[in-house]
Amino acid sequence: MTRLRAAFDRAAAEKRAALVAYLTFADPDPQTSIAVIEAACRAGADVIELGVPFSDPSADGPSIQRAMERALLAGGSLPGAIEAVAELRRRGVATPIVLFGYYNPIFVMGQGAFAARAAKAGIDAVLTVDLPIDELAELAQPLAEHGIAVIPLVAPTSTAERIARLATLRAPFVYYISLTGVTGVRAAAPVDPARLDQIRQASSAPVAVGFGIRTAADAARFAAIADGVVVGSALVDRVAEASASEAPTRVATFVGELARAMAR
């Protein structure tokens, strides 16, 4: 949690937004995905959201759904994703990593066992798409016992009452979804800066905006008002379009473009 908040604080001190890069573990295979993630970190990603392959990704659009299908065929799993983070730490990657996925695999593993394994691997936080703010406590508590944070999601439809509950979570940052629906299908909708201020005040945390941000120009627009910018489908598409040997370089090049767009 300290490492995550430090990433946002460092970006703010440098007068830029933090770049949060989403990539799916085991796409196209476990070893290549680790190389891709490492390349993204070296190229300027401030935070990695590491997607855990899941058979029924309800919040993800076609690009990430296909990435998860490829990852599952390649043997991707929650235990594998945890071990991938441990391998990245062994390689000297210090970039904060948020494990991003769905609650079912965590529930099957057991919240306590998951928390212990995640902490040992060096995971900083967990974001569960299908566990809303008012149900996060059952995961947040065992994670907190191991020094791991939860990242809450806030949507355009979230009520003031729901947003007020952010205060109890003490999250290192809040993920604001720019539009309703699934990822990567529509362009990001305009966001009212006052909405982000409301979330910051309720949570006492930075706010990263995601969903539908596909280009450096898109990223620059949101970097001007948000504390962080999340890019996922566009990065996953670059993995899909490249060979396994070319994927790390292709992703790193795009991450570099996005990182340069973070300046205010």
Protein backbone atom coordinates (compact mmCIF):
# COMPACT_ATOMS: atom_id res chain seq x y z
CA MET A 1 0.00 0.00 0.00
CA THR A 2 2.86 2.38 0.83
CA ARG A 3 4.52 1.62 -2.49
CA LEU A 4 1.30 2.27 -4.40
CA ARG A 5 0.60 5.61 -2.76
CA ALA A 6 4.24 6.59 -3.26
CA ALA A 7 3.86 6.01 -7.01
CA PHE A 8 0.98 8.47 -7.17
CA ASP A 9 2.75 10.96 -4.90
CA ARG A 10 5.87 10.81 -7.07
CA ALA A 11 3.83 11.41 -10.23
CA ALA A 12 2.07 14.38 -8.63
CA ALA A 13 5.40 15.86 -7.54
CA GLU A 14 6.57 15.55 -11.14
CA LYS A 15 3.41 17.36 -12.33
CA ARG A 16 1.99 14.40 -14.19
CA ALA A 17 -0.60 11.68 -13.81
CA ALA A 18 0.45 8.14 -12.91
CA LEU A 19 0.26 5.60 -15.74
CA VAL A 20 -1.57 2.43 -14.71
CA ALA A 21 -1.04 -0.34 -17.27
CA TYR A 22 -3.30 -3.41 -17.40
CA LEU A 23 -1.96 -6.68 -18.83
CA THR A 24 -3.36 -10.21 -18.63
CA PHE A 25 -1.19 -12.86 -17.00
CA ALA A 26 -0.29 -15.82 -19.28
CA ASP A 27 -1.24 -14.01 -22.49
CA PRO A 28 -0.01 -15.41 -24.82
CA ASP A 29 1.82 -17.73 -22.40
CA PRO A 30 3.14 -17.37 -18.82
CA GLN A 31 6.78 -16.66 -19.61
CA THR A 32 6.07 -14.19 -22.40
CA SER A 33 3.57 -12.33 -20.23
CA ILE A 34 6.18 -11.94 -17.49
CA ALA A 35 8.60 -10.50 -20.05
CA VAL A 36 5.89 -8.14 -21.33
CA ILE A 37 5.07 -6.90 -17.82
CA GLU A 38 8.75 -6.34 -17.03
CA ALA A 39 9.15 -4.41 -20.29
CA ALA A 40 6.13 -2.23 -19.45
CA CYS A 41 7.62 -1.42 -16.05
CA ARG A 42 10.99 -0.51 -17.52
CA ALA A 43 9.28 1.68 -20.15
CA GLY A 44 7.49 3.91 -17.65
CA ALA A 45 4.39 2.25 -16.22
CA ASP A 46 3.92 3.56 -12.67
CA VAL A 47 1.52 0.78 -11.65
CA ILE A 48 0.72 -2.62 -13.16
CA GLU A 49 -2.76 -4.09 -13.03
CA LEU A 50 -2.18 -7.80 -13.57
CA GLY A 51 -5.30 -9.49 -14.91
CA VAL A 52 -6.03 -12.98 -13.57
CA PRO A 53 -7.43 -15.26 -16.30
CA PHE A 54 -11.08 -16.14 -15.64
CA SER A 55 -13.62 -18.03 -17.70
CA ASP A 56 -16.53 -15.59 -17.21
CA PRO A 57 -15.16 -12.03 -17.30
CA SER A 58 -18.36 -9.99 -16.97
CA ALA A 59 -16.76 -6.51 -16.97
CA ASP A 60 -14.27 -7.05 -19.78
CA GLY A 61 -14.77 -6.31 -23.44
CA PRO A 62 -13.74 -8.39 -26.47
CA SER A 63 -10.00 -7.65 -26.34
CA ILE A 64 -9.54 -8.71 -22.74
CA GLN A 65 -11.99 -11.61 -23.10
CA ARG A 66 -9.86 -12.98 -25.93
CA ALA A 67 -6.71 -12.40 -23.89
CA MET A 68 -8.21 -14.40 -21.03
CA GLU A 69 -9.16 -17.21 -23.42
CA ARG A 70 -5.58 -17.34 -24.72
CA ALA A 71 -4.25 -17.23 -21.17
CA LEU A 72 -6.49 -20.04 -19.96
CA LEU A 73 -5.47 -22.21 -22.91
CA ALA A 74 -1.84 -21.51 -21.98
CA GLY A 75 -2.42 -22.64 -18.40
CA GLY A 76 -2.99 -19.27 -16.74
CA SER A 77 -4.50 -19.34 -13.24
CA LEU A 78 -4.64 -17.41 -9.97
CA PRO A 79 -1.73 -19.38 -8.43
CA GLY A 80 0.24 -18.78 -11.63
CA ALA A 81 -0.43 -15.03 -11.50
CA ILE A 82 0.76 -14.89 -7.89
CA GLU A 83 3.94 -16.75 -8.82
CA ALA A 84 4.45 -14.38 -11.79
CA VAL A 85 4.58 -11.45 -9.37
CA ALA A 86 7.11 -13.33 -7.23
CA GLU A 87 9.24 -13.88 -10.35
CA LEU A 88 9.04 -10.19 -11.27
CA ARG A 89 10.21 -9.28 -7.76
CA ARG A 90 13.11 -11.71 -8.11
CA ARG A 91 14.04 -9.89 -11.32
CA GLY A 92 14.23 -6.62 -9.41
CA VAL A 93 10.93 -5.11 -10.61
CA ALA A 94 9.77 -2.77 -7.83
CA THR A 95 6.77 -1.29 -9.67
CA PRO A 96 3.56 -1.61 -7.59
CA ILE A 97 1.36 -4.46 -8.80
CA VAL A 98 -2.40 -4.69 -8.36
CA LEU A 99 -3.86 -8.15 -8.89
CA PHE A 100 -6.98 -7.52 -10.98
CA GLY A 101 -9.73 -10.07 -11.41
CA TYR A 102 -12.88 -11.75 -10.14
CA TYR A 103 -13.76 -13.02 -6.71
CA ASN A 104 -14.55 -16.67 -7.47
CA PRO A 105 -10.92 -17.93 -7.76
CA ILE A 106 -10.02 -16.07 -4.55
CA PHE A 107 -13.02 -17.51 -2.72
CA VAL A 108 -12.10 -21.02 -3.87
CA MET A 109 -8.50 -20.59 -2.68
CA GLY A 110 -9.73 -19.11 0.61
CA GLN A 111 -9.36 -15.47 1.53
CA GLY A 112 -6.76 -16.07 4.24
CA ALA A 113 -4.63 -18.41 2.14
CA PHE A 114 -4.85 -16.02 -0.81
CA ALA A 115 -3.81 -13.05 1.31
CA ALA A 116 -0.79 -14.89 2.70
CA ARG A 117 0.37 -16.07 -0.72
CA ALA A 118 -0.17 -12.64 -2.28
CA ALA A 119 1.86 -10.93 0.45
CA LYS A 120 4.72 -13.40 0.13
CA ALA A 121 4.83 -12.81 -3.64
CA GLY A 122 4.99 -9.02 -3.31
CA ILE A 123 1.49 -8.02 -4.46
CA ASP A 124 0.55 -4.51 -3.33
CA ALA A 125 -3.22 -4.50 -3.75
CA VAL A 126 -6.19 -6.43 -5.13
CA LEU A 127 -9.06 -5.23 -7.30
CA THR A 128 -12.05 -7.55 -7.60
CA VAL A 129 -14.41 -6.36 -10.31
CA ASP A 130 -17.45 -8.21 -9.00
CA LEU A 131 -17.11 -7.36 -5.30
CA PRO A 132 -18.84 -4.00 -4.72
CA ILE A 133 -17.84 -1.46 -2.09
CA ASP A 134 -20.44 -2.62 0.42
CA GLU A 135 -19.15 -6.22 0.23
CA LEU A 136 -15.42 -5.54 0.15
CA ALA A 137 -14.88 -6.02 3.88
CA GLU A 138 -14.80 -9.82 3.65
CA LEU A 139 -11.73 -9.57 1.44
CA ALA A 140 -10.27 -6.29 2.71
CA GLN A 141 -9.86 -7.54 6.26
CA PRO A 142 -7.73 -10.65 5.57
CA LEU A 143 -5.70 -8.68 3.03
CA ALA A 144 -5.08 -5.85 5.51
CA GLU A 145 -3.72 -8.38 8.00
CA HIS A 146 -0.96 -9.03 5.45
CA GLY A 147 -0.40 -5.39 4.48
CA ILE A 148 -2.28 -5.60 1.16
CA ALA A 149 -4.81 -2.98 0.09
CA VAL A 150 -8.04 -3.23 -1.87
CA ILE A 151 -8.77 -0.91 -4.80
CA PRO A 152 -12.44 0.13 -4.97
CA LEU A 153 -14.28 0.83 -8.20
CA VAL A 154 -16.56 3.83 -8.62
CA ALA A 155 -18.85 4.22 -11.63
CA PRO A 156 -20.80 7.14 -13.13
CA THR A 157 -23.88 5.55 -11.54
CA SER A 158 -22.40 5.31 -8.01
CA THR A 159 -24.49 7.18 -5.46
CA ALA A 160 -23.22 9.69 -2.92
CA GLU A 161 -23.95 7.13 -0.19
CA ARG A 162 -21.84 4.50 -1.96
CA ILE A 163 -19.00 6.97 -2.51
CA ALA A 164 -19.08 7.97 1.18
CA ARG A 165 -18.22 4.34 2.08
CA LEU A 166 -14.81 4.80 0.50
CA ALA A 167 -13.62 6.48 3.69
CA THR A 168 -13.54 3.18 5.59
CA LEU A 169 -11.33 1.43 3.03
CA ARG A 170 -8.26 3.71 3.22
CA ALA A 171 -7.41 2.74 -0.34
CA PRO A 172 -4.10 3.79 -1.94
CA PHE A 173 -6.15 4.94 -4.96
CA VAL A 174 -9.67 4.68 -6.35
CA TYR A 175 -10.43 3.42 -9.86
CA TYR A 176 -13.09 5.56 -11.54
CA ILE A 177 -14.80 3.96 -14.54
CA SER A 178 -15.41 6.66 -17.15
CA LEU A 179 -18.45 4.91 -18.64
CA THR A 180 -20.88 2.10 -17.93
CA GLY A 181 -20.54 -1.18 -19.80
CA VAL A 182 -17.49 -3.31 -20.57
CA THR A 183 -13.90 -2.36 -21.32
CA GLY A 184 -12.48 -1.40 -24.69
CA VAL A 185 -15.71 -1.16 -26.68
CA ARG A 186 -16.48 2.57 -26.64
CA ALA A 187 -14.28 5.62 -26.34
CA ALA A 188 -13.95 7.00 -22.83
CA ALA A 189 -16.69 9.43 -21.91
CA PRO A 190 -15.89 12.95 -20.68
CA VAL A 191 -15.49 13.12 -16.91
CA ASP A 192 -16.57 16.06 -14.77
CA PRO A 193 -13.57 17.14 -12.64
CA ALA A 194 -16.02 17.87 -9.81
CA ARG A 195 -16.91 14.17 -9.76
CA LEU A 196 -13.25 13.28 -9.23
CA ASP A 197 -12.99 15.90 -6.47
CA GLN A 198 -15.99 14.31 -4.75
CA ILE A 199 -14.28 10.92 -4.81
CA ARG A 200 -10.96 12.35 -3.59
CA GLN A 201 -12.67 14.07 -0.67
CA ALA A 202 -14.61 10.96 0.32
CA SER A 203 -11.69 8.55 0.04
CA SER A 204 -8.69 10.78 0.88
CA ALA A 205 -7.03 9.00 -2.04
CA PRO A 206 -5.91 9.73 -5.60
CA VAL A 207 -8.30 8.80 -8.41
CA ALA A 208 -7.32 6.94 -11.59
CA VAL A 209 -9.67 6.99 -14.58
CA GLY A 210 -10.04 4.06 -16.97
CA PHE A 211 -12.27 2.31 -19.56
CA GLY A 212 -12.06 3.33 -23.21
CA ILE A 213 -8.65 5.08 -23.11
CA ARG A 214 -6.90 3.74 -26.20
CA THR A 215 -4.42 6.36 -27.46
CA ALA A 216 -1.79 8.70 -26.09
CA ALA A 217 -4.10 11.60 -26.98
CA ASP A 218 -6.91 10.00 -24.95
CA ALA A 219 -4.50 9.51 -22.06
CA ALA A 220 -3.36 13.13 -22.19
CA ARG A 221 -6.96 14.39 -21.92
CA PHE A 222 -7.53 12.47 -18.71
CA ALA A 223 -4.06 13.13 -17.32
CA ALA A 224 -5.05 16.79 -17.19
CA ILE A 225 -7.80 16.11 -14.60
CA ALA A 226 -7.09 12.73 -12.97
CA ASP A 227 -4.35 11.53 -10.64
CA GLY A 228 -3.86 8.41 -12.75
CA VAL A 229 -4.83 7.04 -16.15
CA VAL A 230 -5.60 3.35 -16.74
CA VAL A 231 -4.94 1.77 -20.15
CA GLY A 232 -5.81 -1.88 -20.73
CA SER A 233 -7.43 -3.06 -23.96
CA ALA A 234 -5.06 -1.09 -26.18
CA LEU A 235 -2.07 -2.74 -24.50
CA VAL A 236 -3.65 -6.18 -24.67
CA ASP A 237 -4.29 -5.66 -28.39
CA ARG A 238 -0.59 -5.02 -28.95
CA VAL A 239 0.24 -8.32 -27.30
CA ALA A 240 -2.28 -10.08 -29.53
CA GLU A 241 -0.93 -8.47 -32.71
CA ALA A 242 2.73 -9.36 -32.05
CA SER A 243 4.69 -12.57 -31.98
CA ALA A 244 5.81 -13.80 -28.57
CA SER A 245 9.34 -12.53 -29.20
CA GLU A 246 8.14 -9.09 -30.38
CA ALA A 247 5.43 -8.51 -27.76
CA PRO A 248 7.66 -7.04 -25.00
CA THR A 249 9.17 -4.45 -27.35
CA ARG A 250 5.82 -3.56 -28.90
CA VAL A 251 4.21 -3.05 -25.51
CA ALA A 252 7.20 -1.10 -24.18
CA THR A 253 7.07 1.28 -27.15
CA PHE A 254 3.40 2.06 -26.55
CA VAL A 255 3.91 2.40 -22.79
CA GLY A 256 6.63 4.94 -23.52
CA GLU A 257 4.20 6.96 -25.66
CA LEU A 258 1.58 6.83 -22.92
CA ALA A 259 4.08 7.79 -20.22
CA ARG A 260 5.07 10.90 -22.17
CA ALA A 261 1.38 11.83 -22.42
CA MET A 262 1.00 11.88 -18.63
CA ALA A 263 2.63 15.32 -18.24
CA ARG A 264 0.27 18.14 -17.35
